[in-house]
Amino acid sequence: MANSLNRTILLWGLTILITLGSVVYQRLTGPTHPVRGSVEIGGETVKYRLLRSYDTTDDAVMKFNALSPAITGEMRYRRFKSYDQWSTVPLVRDGANLIASVPKQPAAGKVMYQISLFDNEGTRHDLTAEPVIIRFKNPVPPGALWPHILFMFTAMLLSTRAGLEALTNGPNTFRIALWTSVLLFLGGLIFGPIVQKFSFGEFWTGWPKGHDLTDNKIAVAMIAWIIALWRGRKHPQSRVWYIIASAVTLLIFLIPHSVLGSELDYTKGNMQ
């Protein structure tokens, strides 16, 4: 009894550690995660947080705390995938802050922007070597977003747990795999498209309709678990398919969220 309890605690501990690690990695490496850093100007350290995702309801406003009034700045920008020329606007000072505003776009519209600060001698300090790309999305109601997040996180957790259960010849492999599949289906193929529809106006932008890796990786994971359940039911002693499905799920969810996601092509029309 004690050995069984210790085994359960150990496997769940490993499961939580692996899952949380993959979630953090995916978020920090994703194309919607803000670009953070700092720059030294005239003896003052100015920290910055450059947005790469924002709602369509407002301009994307960013503030940079720069106490010295001698520090100024500008932002150059243009719509991504457009024939636009670069526009340059000065940053607006509001007390101790310099403020940049990226003009709001329709859902899936992207803007390239680069912010530079200047010291009292006019020396330019670019915050990034290359322009940052921000994508705009429509707001998603909490009733659609939170079930999607909850189901997907739990599916990732159980996927890892099923793989470890199979590796250690545990008795609950099929049951955990079944719950993994159910939650993956609900989170990825039911609430996922609903969130996508609210955000960008399309239920599905993966294969064969498009190239959205978020949609495609959900489909691949779902297929992997369907095969694992099928083979596991036919051959209860064979656990290799559960291990493969768990490994596939872990690997594809290490792919950053929103890679190759929905985007407007302004060269195909005058979309304001």
Protein backbone atom coordinates (compact mmCIF):
# COMPACT_ATOMS: atom_id res chain seq x y z
CA MET A 1 0.00 0.00 0.00
CA ALA A 2 2.77 2.40 0.94
CA ASN A 3 4.68 1.57 -2.25
CA SER A 4 1.57 2.23 -4.34
CA LEU A 5 1.04 5.59 -2.64
CA ASN A 6 4.68 6.55 -3.10
CA ARG A 7 4.50 5.57 -6.76
CA THR A 8 1.38 7.67 -7.28
CA ILE A 9 2.91 10.71 -5.58
CA LEU A 10 6.12 10.36 -7.58
CA LEU A 11 4.34 10.02 -10.93
CA TRP A 12 2.01 12.95 -10.27
CA GLY A 13 4.94 15.05 -9.12
CA LEU A 14 6.81 14.31 -12.35
CA THR A 15 3.63 14.92 -14.36
CA ILE A 16 3.06 18.36 -12.85
CA LEU A 17 6.72 19.32 -13.23
CA ILE A 18 6.88 18.30 -16.90
CA THR A 19 3.54 19.89 -17.77
CA LEU A 20 4.23 23.21 -16.05
CA GLY A 21 7.68 23.32 -17.63
CA SER A 22 6.25 22.82 -21.12
CA VAL A 23 3.52 25.44 -20.53
CA VAL A 24 6.04 28.04 -19.35
CA TYR A 25 8.39 27.28 -22.26
CA GLN A 26 5.55 27.55 -24.78
CA ARG A 27 4.39 30.87 -23.38
CA LEU A 28 7.83 32.46 -23.14
CA THR A 29 8.80 31.46 -26.68
CA GLY A 30 5.47 32.26 -28.34
CA PRO A 31 4.98 35.05 -30.89
CA THR A 32 2.41 36.81 -28.68
CA HIS A 33 4.63 37.07 -25.60
CA PRO A 34 5.76 40.68 -24.97
CA VAL A 35 9.37 41.64 -25.70
CA ARG A 36 10.94 42.84 -22.46
CA GLY A 37 14.23 44.51 -21.70
CA SER A 38 15.92 47.70 -20.60
CA VAL A 39 18.22 50.34 -22.03
CA GLU A 40 20.65 52.72 -20.34
CA ILE A 41 20.19 56.36 -21.40
CA GLY A 42 22.04 59.23 -19.77
CA GLY A 43 22.63 57.29 -16.58
CA GLU A 44 18.97 56.26 -16.34
CA THR A 45 17.69 52.73 -16.90
CA VAL A 46 14.52 52.66 -18.97
CA LYS A 47 12.61 49.38 -18.89
CA TYR A 48 10.32 48.41 -21.73
CA ARG A 49 7.58 45.91 -22.49
CA LEU A 50 6.68 45.78 -26.17
CA LEU A 51 3.29 44.26 -26.93
CA ARG A 52 2.82 41.58 -29.57
CA SER A 53 -0.89 40.92 -29.06
CA TYR A 54 -3.77 43.29 -28.34
CA ASP A 55 -7.54 43.56 -28.60
CA THR A 56 -9.18 45.29 -31.55
CA THR A 57 -11.14 47.58 -29.24
CA ASP A 58 -8.31 50.13 -28.74
CA ASP A 59 -4.90 51.27 -29.90
CA ALA A 60 -2.10 49.26 -28.32
CA VAL A 61 -0.70 51.71 -25.76
CA MET A 62 2.73 51.21 -24.19
CA LYS A 63 4.32 53.36 -21.48
CA PHE A 64 8.04 53.74 -20.78
CA ASN A 65 9.06 55.26 -17.48
CA ALA A 66 11.72 57.86 -18.30
CA LEU A 67 12.12 60.40 -15.50
CA SER A 68 14.49 62.74 -17.33
CA PRO A 69 12.56 65.17 -19.57
CA ALA A 70 15.62 65.22 -21.83
CA ILE A 71 14.78 61.67 -22.99
CA THR A 72 12.53 61.65 -26.04
CA GLY A 73 11.46 58.99 -28.47
CA GLU A 74 9.76 58.03 -31.70
CA MET A 75 7.96 55.06 -33.21
CA ARG A 76 8.12 53.98 -36.84
CA TYR A 77 5.46 51.56 -38.03
CA ARG A 78 3.58 50.11 -40.95
CA ARG A 79 1.00 47.39 -41.44
CA PHE A 80 2.46 43.91 -41.91
CA LYS A 81 1.86 42.40 -45.34
CA SER A 82 0.99 45.72 -46.93
CA TYR A 83 2.35 48.20 -49.43
CA ASP A 84 2.39 50.92 -46.76
CA GLN A 85 5.33 53.27 -46.40
CA TRP A 86 6.87 53.54 -42.95
CA SER A 87 5.25 56.20 -40.75
CA THR A 88 7.17 57.89 -37.93
CA VAL A 89 5.49 59.56 -34.96
CA PRO A 90 6.99 61.04 -31.78
CA LEU A 91 6.34 59.44 -28.41
CA VAL A 92 4.06 61.51 -26.20
CA ARG A 93 5.36 62.56 -22.80
CA ASP A 94 2.95 62.31 -19.88
CA GLY A 95 4.78 63.24 -16.70
CA ALA A 96 7.48 60.63 -16.11
CA ASN A 97 6.27 58.41 -18.96
CA LEU A 98 6.80 58.30 -22.70
CA ILE A 99 3.79 56.81 -24.48
CA ALA A 100 3.61 54.93 -27.78
CA SER A 101 0.34 53.94 -29.45
CA VAL A 102 0.09 51.38 -32.25
CA PRO A 103 -3.10 52.08 -34.26
CA LYS A 104 -5.73 49.40 -33.73
CA GLN A 105 -6.43 47.00 -36.59
CA PRO A 106 -9.19 44.58 -37.57
CA ALA A 107 -9.03 41.06 -36.17
CA ALA A 108 -5.90 39.23 -37.42
CA GLY A 109 -4.37 42.49 -38.62
CA LYS A 110 -0.69 42.93 -37.84
CA VAL A 111 1.54 45.98 -37.49
CA MET A 112 5.34 46.13 -37.57
CA TYR A 113 6.75 48.77 -35.24
CA GLN A 114 10.12 49.86 -33.88
CA ILE A 115 10.63 52.26 -30.98
CA SER A 116 13.71 54.40 -30.49
CA LEU A 117 14.66 56.65 -27.57
CA PHE A 118 17.00 59.65 -27.71
CA ASP A 119 19.20 61.20 -25.05
CA ASN A 120 19.82 64.93 -24.62
CA GLU A 121 22.55 64.79 -27.29
CA GLY A 122 20.23 63.18 -29.83
CA THR A 123 21.89 59.76 -29.72
CA ARG A 124 19.47 57.08 -30.90
CA HIS A 125 18.83 54.00 -28.76
CA ASP A 126 16.73 51.42 -30.64
CA LEU A 127 14.86 49.19 -28.20
CA THR A 128 15.05 46.26 -30.62
CA ALA A 129 17.34 45.46 -33.52
CA GLU A 130 14.38 44.51 -35.71
CA PRO A 131 10.76 45.72 -35.76
CA VAL A 132 8.32 43.97 -33.44
CA ILE A 133 5.12 42.52 -34.92
CA ILE A 134 1.86 42.91 -33.03
CA ARG A 135 -1.35 41.09 -33.95
CA PHE A 136 -4.81 42.33 -33.05
CA LYS A 137 -7.65 40.04 -31.99
CA ASN A 138 -11.24 40.42 -30.97
CA PRO A 139 -12.02 39.99 -27.24
CA VAL A 140 -13.07 36.49 -26.21
CA PRO A 141 -15.85 36.06 -23.61
CA PRO A 142 -14.62 34.36 -20.41
CA GLY A 143 -17.31 31.70 -20.84
CA ALA A 144 -15.53 30.49 -23.97
CA LEU A 145 -11.92 31.23 -23.05
CA TRP A 146 -11.68 29.71 -19.57
CA PRO A 147 -13.20 26.30 -20.44
CA HIS A 148 -10.78 26.12 -23.38
CA ILE A 149 -7.79 26.87 -21.12
CA LEU A 150 -8.98 24.51 -18.36
CA PHE A 151 -9.70 21.59 -20.68
CA MET A 152 -6.46 22.02 -22.63
CA PHE A 153 -4.25 22.30 -19.55
CA THR A 154 -5.90 19.26 -17.95
CA ALA A 155 -5.56 17.30 -21.18
CA MET A 156 -1.84 18.13 -21.33
CA LEU A 157 -1.49 17.10 -17.68
CA LEU A 158 -3.26 13.77 -18.19
CA SER A 159 -1.41 13.12 -21.43
CA THR A 160 1.89 13.25 -19.58
CA ARG A 161 0.45 11.17 -16.74
CA ALA A 162 -0.80 8.53 -19.18
CA GLY A 163 2.65 8.29 -20.75
CA LEU A 164 4.30 7.81 -17.37
CA GLU A 165 1.64 5.28 -16.37
CA ALA A 166 2.35 3.29 -19.52
CA LEU A 167 6.13 3.49 -18.99
CA THR A 168 5.77 2.04 -15.49
CA ASN A 169 3.20 -0.62 -16.48
CA GLY A 170 0.56 1.00 -14.32
CA PRO A 171 -2.98 -0.44 -14.20
CA ASN A 172 -4.77 2.80 -15.10
CA THR A 173 -3.21 3.57 -18.47
CA PHE A 174 -6.33 3.09 -20.59
CA ARG A 175 -8.56 5.05 -18.21
CA ILE A 176 -6.17 8.02 -18.07
CA ALA A 177 -5.71 7.89 -21.86
CA LEU A 178 -9.49 7.93 -22.34
CA TRP A 179 -9.87 11.02 -20.15
CA THR A 180 -6.99 12.65 -22.00
CA SER A 181 -8.79 12.13 -25.29
CA VAL A 182 -12.13 13.40 -23.99
CA LEU A 183 -10.60 16.59 -22.54
CA LEU A 184 -8.45 17.17 -25.63
CA PHE A 185 -11.55 16.86 -27.79
CA LEU A 186 -13.54 19.30 -25.63
CA GLY A 187 -10.73 21.82 -25.22
CA GLY A 188 -9.18 21.62 -28.68
CA LEU A 189 -11.98 20.69 -31.05
CA ILE A 190 -15.01 22.22 -29.34
CA PHE A 191 -13.94 25.25 -27.32
CA GLY A 192 -10.78 25.85 -29.40
CA PRO A 193 -12.73 26.67 -32.59
CA ILE A 194 -15.19 28.76 -30.56
CA VAL A 195 -12.31 30.86 -29.19
CA GLN A 196 -10.85 31.10 -32.71
CA LYS A 197 -14.20 32.29 -34.06
CA PHE A 198 -14.50 35.01 -31.43
CA SER A 199 -10.87 36.08 -31.88
CA PHE A 200 -10.48 36.05 -35.65
CA GLY A 201 -13.86 35.24 -37.20
CA GLU A 202 -13.00 31.68 -38.31
CA PHE A 203 -13.72 28.39 -36.55
CA TRP A 204 -10.79 26.56 -38.15
CA THR A 205 -7.70 27.82 -39.98
CA GLY A 206 -5.62 24.65 -39.93
CA TRP A 207 -5.29 21.93 -42.57
CA PRO A 208 -6.80 21.65 -45.15
CA LYS A 209 -8.15 25.21 -44.98
CA GLY A 210 -4.96 26.94 -43.83
CA HIS A 211 -1.61 26.57 -42.08
CA ASP A 212 -2.41 27.53 -38.47
CA LEU A 213 -0.07 25.36 -36.40
CA THR A 214 -2.24 25.71 -33.30
CA ASP A 215 -5.16 24.04 -35.10
CA ASN A 216 -2.93 21.51 -36.83
CA LYS A 217 -1.18 20.38 -33.66
CA ILE A 218 -4.55 19.82 -31.96
CA ALA A 219 -5.56 17.60 -34.86
CA VAL A 220 -2.29 15.63 -34.72
CA ALA A 221 -2.57 15.10 -30.96
CA MET A 222 -6.18 13.97 -31.28
CA ILE A 223 -5.30 11.46 -34.00
CA ALA A 224 -2.39 10.13 -31.91
CA TRP A 225 -4.67 9.47 -28.92
CA ILE A 226 -7.41 7.88 -31.04
CA ILE A 227 -4.83 5.46 -32.43
CA ALA A 228 -3.47 4.80 -28.92
CA LEU A 229 -6.95 3.98 -27.57
CA TRP A 230 -7.73 1.78 -30.55
CA ARG A 231 -4.49 -0.18 -30.33
CA GLY A 232 -4.62 -0.28 -26.56
CA ARG A 233 -8.13 -1.76 -26.58
CA LYS A 234 -7.13 -4.42 -29.11
CA HIS A 235 -3.84 -5.24 -27.38
CA PRO A 236 -4.13 -4.40 -23.66
CA GLN A 237 -0.60 -5.62 -22.93
CA SER A 238 0.96 -3.29 -25.51
CA ARG A 239 1.65 0.15 -24.09
CA VAL A 240 3.89 1.58 -26.77
CA TRP A 241 1.08 3.51 -28.48
CA TYR A 242 0.21 5.33 -25.28
CA ILE A 243 3.85 6.32 -24.87
CA ILE A 244 4.01 7.50 -28.48
CA ALA A 245 0.80 9.54 -28.13
CA SER A 246 2.06 11.12 -24.91
CA ALA A 247 5.42 11.98 -26.46
CA VAL A 248 3.79 13.40 -29.60
CA THR A 249 1.47 15.56 -27.49
CA LEU A 250 4.35 16.87 -25.38
CA LEU A 251 6.49 17.66 -28.42
CA ILE A 252 3.79 19.44 -30.41
CA PHE A 253 2.73 21.51 -27.43
CA LEU A 254 6.30 22.73 -27.12
CA ILE A 255 5.63 24.49 -30.43
CA PRO A 256 4.83 28.08 -29.41
CA HIS A 257 1.17 29.02 -29.38
CA SER A 258 -0.17 31.03 -32.36
CA VAL A 259 2.73 30.24 -34.72
CA LEU A 260 1.51 30.67 -38.33
CA GLY A 261 -1.80 31.89 -36.92
CA SER A 262 -4.50 33.96 -38.59
CA GLU A 263 -3.31 37.15 -40.28
CA LEU A 264 -4.71 39.69 -42.69
CA ASP A 265 -2.98 40.26 -46.01
CA TYR A 266 -3.44 43.97 -46.65
CA THR A 267 -1.99 43.63 -50.14
CA LYS A 268 -5.20 41.85 -51.21
CA GLY A 269 -7.57 44.66 -50.36
CA ASN A 270 -8.08 47.98 -48.60
CA MET A 271 -8.90 46.72 -45.10
CA GLN A 272 -9.11 49.57 -42.64
